[in-house]
Amino acid sequence: MTMTEVRQVRRYTVVLTPDPEEGGYGVLVPALPGCFSQGGTVDEALANVREAIQLHLEGIEEDGEPAPEDVTPLLALVPVPTPHTVAAAAAT
C-alpha cells in the first residue's frame, strides 16, 4: 500500500485595493501580517497573492508554528476634515 499525500486547503480573506496612479491592484491578507502582493488585473492579483500566501505559510510551517486562522476584516469609512475644512471651521 502506498501513502498518499493529502493537502489541506485553507481559505484566506484578501483585500484588493485599486492603484489609481499605477493601475492594477494591491492585495493584502489581514490574517497574515506582512503577506501582500499586487497585479495588473483582479485575476492576476489573486493569482499572485495565492502564491504569496503559499510561500508565507511554508515559512510559518518551517518555523514550527501553526497556520493562522482567517480573519474577517471590518471596513469602515472614517470622516476626516481636510486642512481647508479645519481652517474654515476655525474662522467661524
N, C-alpha and C. Protein backbone atom coordinates (compact mmCIF):
# COMPACT_ATOMS: atom_id res chain seq x y z
N MET A 1 0.85 -1.16 0.00
CA MET A 1 0.00 0.00 0.00
C MET A 1 0.90 1.23 0.00
N THR A 2 0.57 2.23 -0.83
CA THR A 2 1.37 3.45 -0.88
C THR A 2 0.67 4.55 -0.10
N MET A 3 1.48 5.44 0.43
CA MET A 3 0.96 6.58 1.18
C MET A 3 0.62 7.68 0.19
N THR A 4 -0.51 8.26 0.34
CA THR A 4 -0.93 9.38 -0.50
C THR A 4 -0.85 10.65 0.33
N GLU A 5 -0.20 11.65 -0.24
CA GLU A 5 -0.10 12.93 0.45
C GLU A 5 -1.44 13.66 0.32
N VAL A 6 -1.95 14.09 1.45
CA VAL A 6 -3.20 14.83 1.48
C VAL A 6 -2.87 16.27 1.86
N ARG A 7 -3.30 17.19 1.00
CA ARG A 7 -3.06 18.61 1.28
C ARG A 7 -4.35 19.26 1.74
N GLN A 8 -4.24 19.97 2.81
CA GLN A 8 -5.39 20.71 3.32
C GLN A 8 -5.52 22.01 2.52
N VAL A 9 -6.72 22.40 2.22
CA VAL A 9 -6.97 23.66 1.53
C VAL A 9 -7.45 24.66 2.57
N ARG A 10 -6.73 25.76 2.70
CA ARG A 10 -7.12 26.83 3.61
C ARG A 10 -7.64 27.99 2.77
N ARG A 11 -8.53 28.75 3.33
CA ARG A 11 -9.07 29.92 2.63
C ARG A 11 -8.78 31.16 3.48
N TYR A 12 -8.26 32.19 2.82
CA TYR A 12 -7.96 33.44 3.50
C TYR A 12 -8.65 34.60 2.79
N THR A 13 -9.22 35.48 3.58
CA THR A 13 -9.79 36.70 3.05
C THR A 13 -8.67 37.62 2.62
N VAL A 14 -8.81 38.21 1.43
CA VAL A 14 -7.83 39.17 0.95
C VAL A 14 -8.54 40.49 0.65
N VAL A 15 -7.80 41.57 0.71
CA VAL A 15 -8.34 42.90 0.43
C VAL A 15 -7.61 43.44 -0.79
N LEU A 16 -8.36 43.70 -1.86
CA LEU A 16 -7.80 44.27 -3.08
C LEU A 16 -8.06 45.77 -3.09
N THR A 17 -7.03 46.54 -3.37
CA THR A 17 -7.15 47.99 -3.42
C THR A 17 -6.68 48.48 -4.78
N PRO A 18 -7.55 49.16 -5.52
CA PRO A 18 -7.13 49.68 -6.82
C PRO A 18 -6.02 50.71 -6.64
N ASP A 19 -5.07 50.72 -7.56
CA ASP A 19 -3.98 51.69 -7.56
C ASP A 19 -4.25 52.70 -8.68
N PRO A 20 -4.80 53.88 -8.35
CA PRO A 20 -5.19 54.83 -9.39
C PRO A 20 -4.01 55.42 -10.16
N GLU A 21 -2.83 55.45 -9.56
CA GLU A 21 -1.67 56.03 -10.22
C GLU A 21 -0.98 55.04 -11.15
N GLU A 22 -0.76 53.84 -10.69
CA GLU A 22 -0.03 52.83 -11.46
C GLU A 22 -0.96 51.91 -12.24
N GLY A 23 -2.22 51.87 -11.83
CA GLY A 23 -3.13 50.88 -12.39
C GLY A 23 -2.97 49.57 -11.64
N GLY A 24 -3.85 48.67 -11.85
CA GLY A 24 -3.78 47.38 -11.19
C GLY A 24 -4.30 47.45 -9.76
N TYR A 25 -3.90 46.44 -8.98
CA TYR A 25 -4.42 46.28 -7.62
C TYR A 25 -3.32 45.85 -6.67
N GLY A 26 -3.34 46.41 -5.47
CA GLY A 26 -2.55 45.91 -4.36
C GLY A 26 -3.43 44.96 -3.57
N VAL A 27 -2.83 43.92 -2.99
CA VAL A 27 -3.60 42.93 -2.25
C VAL A 27 -2.90 42.65 -0.92
N LEU A 28 -3.66 42.66 0.16
CA LEU A 28 -3.09 42.26 1.45
C LEU A 28 -3.96 41.18 2.07
N VAL A 29 -3.35 40.44 2.99
CA VAL A 29 -4.02 39.32 3.66
C VAL A 29 -4.08 39.65 5.15
N PRO A 30 -5.22 40.11 5.66
CA PRO A 30 -5.30 40.54 7.06
C PRO A 30 -4.86 39.47 8.07
N ALA A 31 -5.10 38.21 7.80
CA ALA A 31 -4.75 37.15 8.76
C ALA A 31 -3.25 36.85 8.76
N LEU A 32 -2.53 37.33 7.74
CA LEU A 32 -1.10 37.03 7.60
C LEU A 32 -0.32 38.34 7.48
N PRO A 33 -0.04 39.00 8.60
CA PRO A 33 0.69 40.26 8.54
C PRO A 33 1.99 40.11 7.75
N GLY A 34 2.23 41.06 6.86
CA GLY A 34 3.43 41.03 6.02
C GLY A 34 3.23 40.29 4.73
N CYS A 35 2.08 39.68 4.53
CA CYS A 35 1.79 38.94 3.30
C CYS A 35 0.96 39.83 2.39
N PHE A 36 1.56 40.22 1.26
CA PHE A 36 0.86 41.08 0.32
C PHE A 36 1.39 40.82 -1.08
N SER A 37 0.69 41.33 -2.07
CA SER A 37 1.10 41.17 -3.46
C SER A 37 0.41 42.24 -4.28
N GLN A 38 0.50 42.12 -5.59
CA GLN A 38 -0.16 43.05 -6.49
C GLN A 38 -0.30 42.41 -7.86
N GLY A 39 -1.09 43.03 -8.70
CA GLY A 39 -1.26 42.53 -10.06
C GLY A 39 -1.95 43.57 -10.91
N GLY A 40 -1.79 43.45 -12.22
CA GLY A 40 -2.37 44.40 -13.15
C GLY A 40 -3.87 44.27 -13.31
N THR A 41 -4.40 43.09 -13.04
CA THR A 41 -5.84 42.85 -13.09
C THR A 41 -6.25 42.14 -11.81
N VAL A 42 -7.55 42.06 -11.58
CA VAL A 42 -8.03 41.34 -10.39
C VAL A 42 -7.56 39.88 -10.45
N ASP A 43 -7.72 39.24 -11.60
CA ASP A 43 -7.31 37.83 -11.72
C ASP A 43 -5.82 37.66 -11.46
N GLU A 44 -5.00 38.55 -12.02
CA GLU A 44 -3.55 38.47 -11.82
C GLU A 44 -3.20 38.72 -10.36
N ALA A 45 -3.85 39.70 -9.75
CA ALA A 45 -3.58 40.00 -8.34
C ALA A 45 -3.95 38.82 -7.45
N LEU A 46 -5.08 38.16 -7.73
CA LEU A 46 -5.48 36.99 -6.94
C LEU A 46 -4.52 35.83 -7.14
N ALA A 47 -4.07 35.60 -8.36
CA ALA A 47 -3.10 34.52 -8.61
C ALA A 47 -1.79 34.82 -7.87
N ASN A 48 -1.35 36.08 -7.92
CA ASN A 48 -0.10 36.45 -7.25
C ASN A 48 -0.20 36.34 -5.74
N VAL A 49 -1.33 36.75 -5.17
CA VAL A 49 -1.45 36.68 -3.72
C VAL A 49 -1.61 35.23 -3.27
N ARG A 50 -2.20 34.39 -4.11
CA ARG A 50 -2.28 32.96 -3.78
C ARG A 50 -0.87 32.39 -3.59
N GLU A 51 0.03 32.74 -4.52
CA GLU A 51 1.42 32.29 -4.41
C GLU A 51 2.08 32.88 -3.17
N ALA A 52 1.83 34.16 -2.90
CA ALA A 52 2.41 34.80 -1.71
C ALA A 52 1.94 34.12 -0.43
N ILE A 53 0.66 33.76 -0.37
CA ILE A 53 0.12 33.07 0.80
C ILE A 53 0.80 31.71 0.96
N GLN A 54 0.94 30.97 -0.13
CA GLN A 54 1.60 29.65 -0.05
C GLN A 54 3.01 29.79 0.50
N LEU A 55 3.77 30.75 -0.01
CA LEU A 55 5.14 30.95 0.47
C LEU A 55 5.15 31.39 1.93
N HIS A 56 4.22 32.24 2.30
CA HIS A 56 4.13 32.71 3.69
C HIS A 56 3.83 31.54 4.62
N LEU A 57 2.88 30.69 4.22
CA LEU A 57 2.53 29.53 5.05
C LEU A 57 3.68 28.53 5.15
N GLU A 58 4.45 28.37 4.07
CA GLU A 58 5.61 27.49 4.12
C GLU A 58 6.61 27.99 5.15
N GLY A 59 6.82 29.31 5.20
CA GLY A 59 7.73 29.89 6.19
C GLY A 59 7.23 29.69 7.61
N ILE A 60 5.93 29.84 7.80
CA ILE A 60 5.34 29.61 9.12
C ILE A 60 5.53 28.16 9.54
N GLU A 61 5.29 27.24 8.59
CA GLU A 61 5.46 25.81 8.88
C GLU A 61 6.91 25.49 9.22
N GLU A 62 7.85 26.05 8.47
CA GLU A 62 9.27 25.82 8.73
C GLU A 62 9.66 26.31 10.12
N ASP A 63 8.99 27.36 10.60
CA ASP A 63 9.26 27.88 11.94
C ASP A 63 8.57 27.06 13.03
N GLY A 64 7.82 26.04 12.60
CA GLY A 64 7.14 25.18 13.57
C GLY A 64 5.87 25.79 14.15
N GLU A 65 5.37 26.82 13.52
CA GLU A 65 4.17 27.49 14.00
C GLU A 65 2.94 26.97 13.26
N PRO A 66 1.78 27.03 13.90
CA PRO A 66 0.55 26.63 13.20
C PRO A 66 0.12 27.73 12.23
N ALA A 67 -0.54 27.34 11.18
CA ALA A 67 -1.07 28.31 10.22
C ALA A 67 -2.19 29.10 10.89
N PRO A 68 -2.16 30.42 10.77
CA PRO A 68 -3.22 31.23 11.39
C PRO A 68 -4.58 30.98 10.75
N GLU A 69 -5.61 31.15 11.54
CA GLU A 69 -6.98 31.09 11.03
C GLU A 69 -7.27 32.38 10.29
N ASP A 70 -8.23 32.32 9.39
CA ASP A 70 -8.62 33.52 8.66
C ASP A 70 -9.30 34.50 9.61
N VAL A 71 -9.24 35.76 9.24
CA VAL A 71 -9.97 36.80 9.96
C VAL A 71 -10.81 37.56 8.94
N THR A 72 -11.93 38.05 9.38
CA THR A 72 -12.77 38.87 8.52
C THR A 72 -12.53 40.32 8.88
N PRO A 73 -11.94 41.09 7.95
CA PRO A 73 -11.66 42.48 8.29
C PRO A 73 -12.95 43.29 8.40
N LEU A 74 -12.93 44.27 9.24
CA LEU A 74 -14.04 45.19 9.36
C LEU A 74 -13.63 46.47 8.66
N LEU A 75 -14.36 46.85 7.63
CA LEU A 75 -14.06 48.07 6.90
C LEU A 75 -15.00 49.16 7.37
N ALA A 76 -14.47 50.36 7.53
CA ALA A 76 -15.28 51.49 7.98
C ALA A 76 -14.85 52.74 7.23
N LEU A 77 -15.77 53.63 7.02
CA LEU A 77 -15.50 54.91 6.41
C LEU A 77 -15.35 55.92 7.54
N VAL A 78 -14.19 56.57 7.63
CA VAL A 78 -13.90 57.49 8.71
C VAL A 78 -13.83 58.91 8.16
N PRO A 79 -14.73 59.80 8.57
CA PRO A 79 -14.64 61.18 8.09
C PRO A 79 -13.48 61.90 8.75
N VAL A 80 -12.66 62.56 7.93
CA VAL A 80 -11.51 63.29 8.43
C VAL A 80 -11.53 64.67 7.77
N PRO A 81 -11.55 65.74 8.56
CA PRO A 81 -11.56 67.06 7.96
C PRO A 81 -10.24 67.34 7.23
N THR A 82 -10.35 67.97 6.09
CA THR A 82 -9.15 68.38 5.35
C THR A 82 -8.66 69.69 5.95
N PRO A 83 -7.41 70.06 5.67
CA PRO A 83 -6.92 71.34 6.21
C PRO A 83 -7.83 72.51 5.83
N HIS A 84 -8.40 72.50 4.64
CA HIS A 84 -9.30 73.56 4.20
C HIS A 84 -10.54 73.59 5.09
N THR A 85 -11.10 72.43 5.38
CA THR A 85 -12.29 72.34 6.22
C THR A 85 -11.97 72.83 7.64
N VAL A 86 -10.79 72.46 8.16
CA VAL A 86 -10.40 72.86 9.51
C VAL A 86 -10.24 74.37 9.56
N ALA A 87 -9.60 74.98 8.56
CA ALA A 87 -9.41 76.42 8.53
C ALA A 87 -10.74 77.15 8.46
N ALA A 88 -11.67 76.64 7.64
CA ALA A 88 -12.97 77.26 7.52
C ALA A 88 -13.75 77.17 8.83
N ALA A 89 -13.64 76.06 9.50
CA ALA A 89 -14.34 75.88 10.76
C ALA A 89 -13.75 76.79 11.83
N ALA A 90 -12.44 77.01 11.82
CA ALA A 90 -11.79 77.86 12.80
C ALA A 90 -12.14 79.33 12.60
N ALA A 91 -12.44 79.70 11.34
CA ALA A 91 -12.78 81.09 11.04
C ALA A 91 -14.18 81.45 11.48
N THR A 92 -15.03 80.48 11.73
CA THR A 92 -16.41 80.80 12.10
C THR A 92 -16.60 80.86 13.58
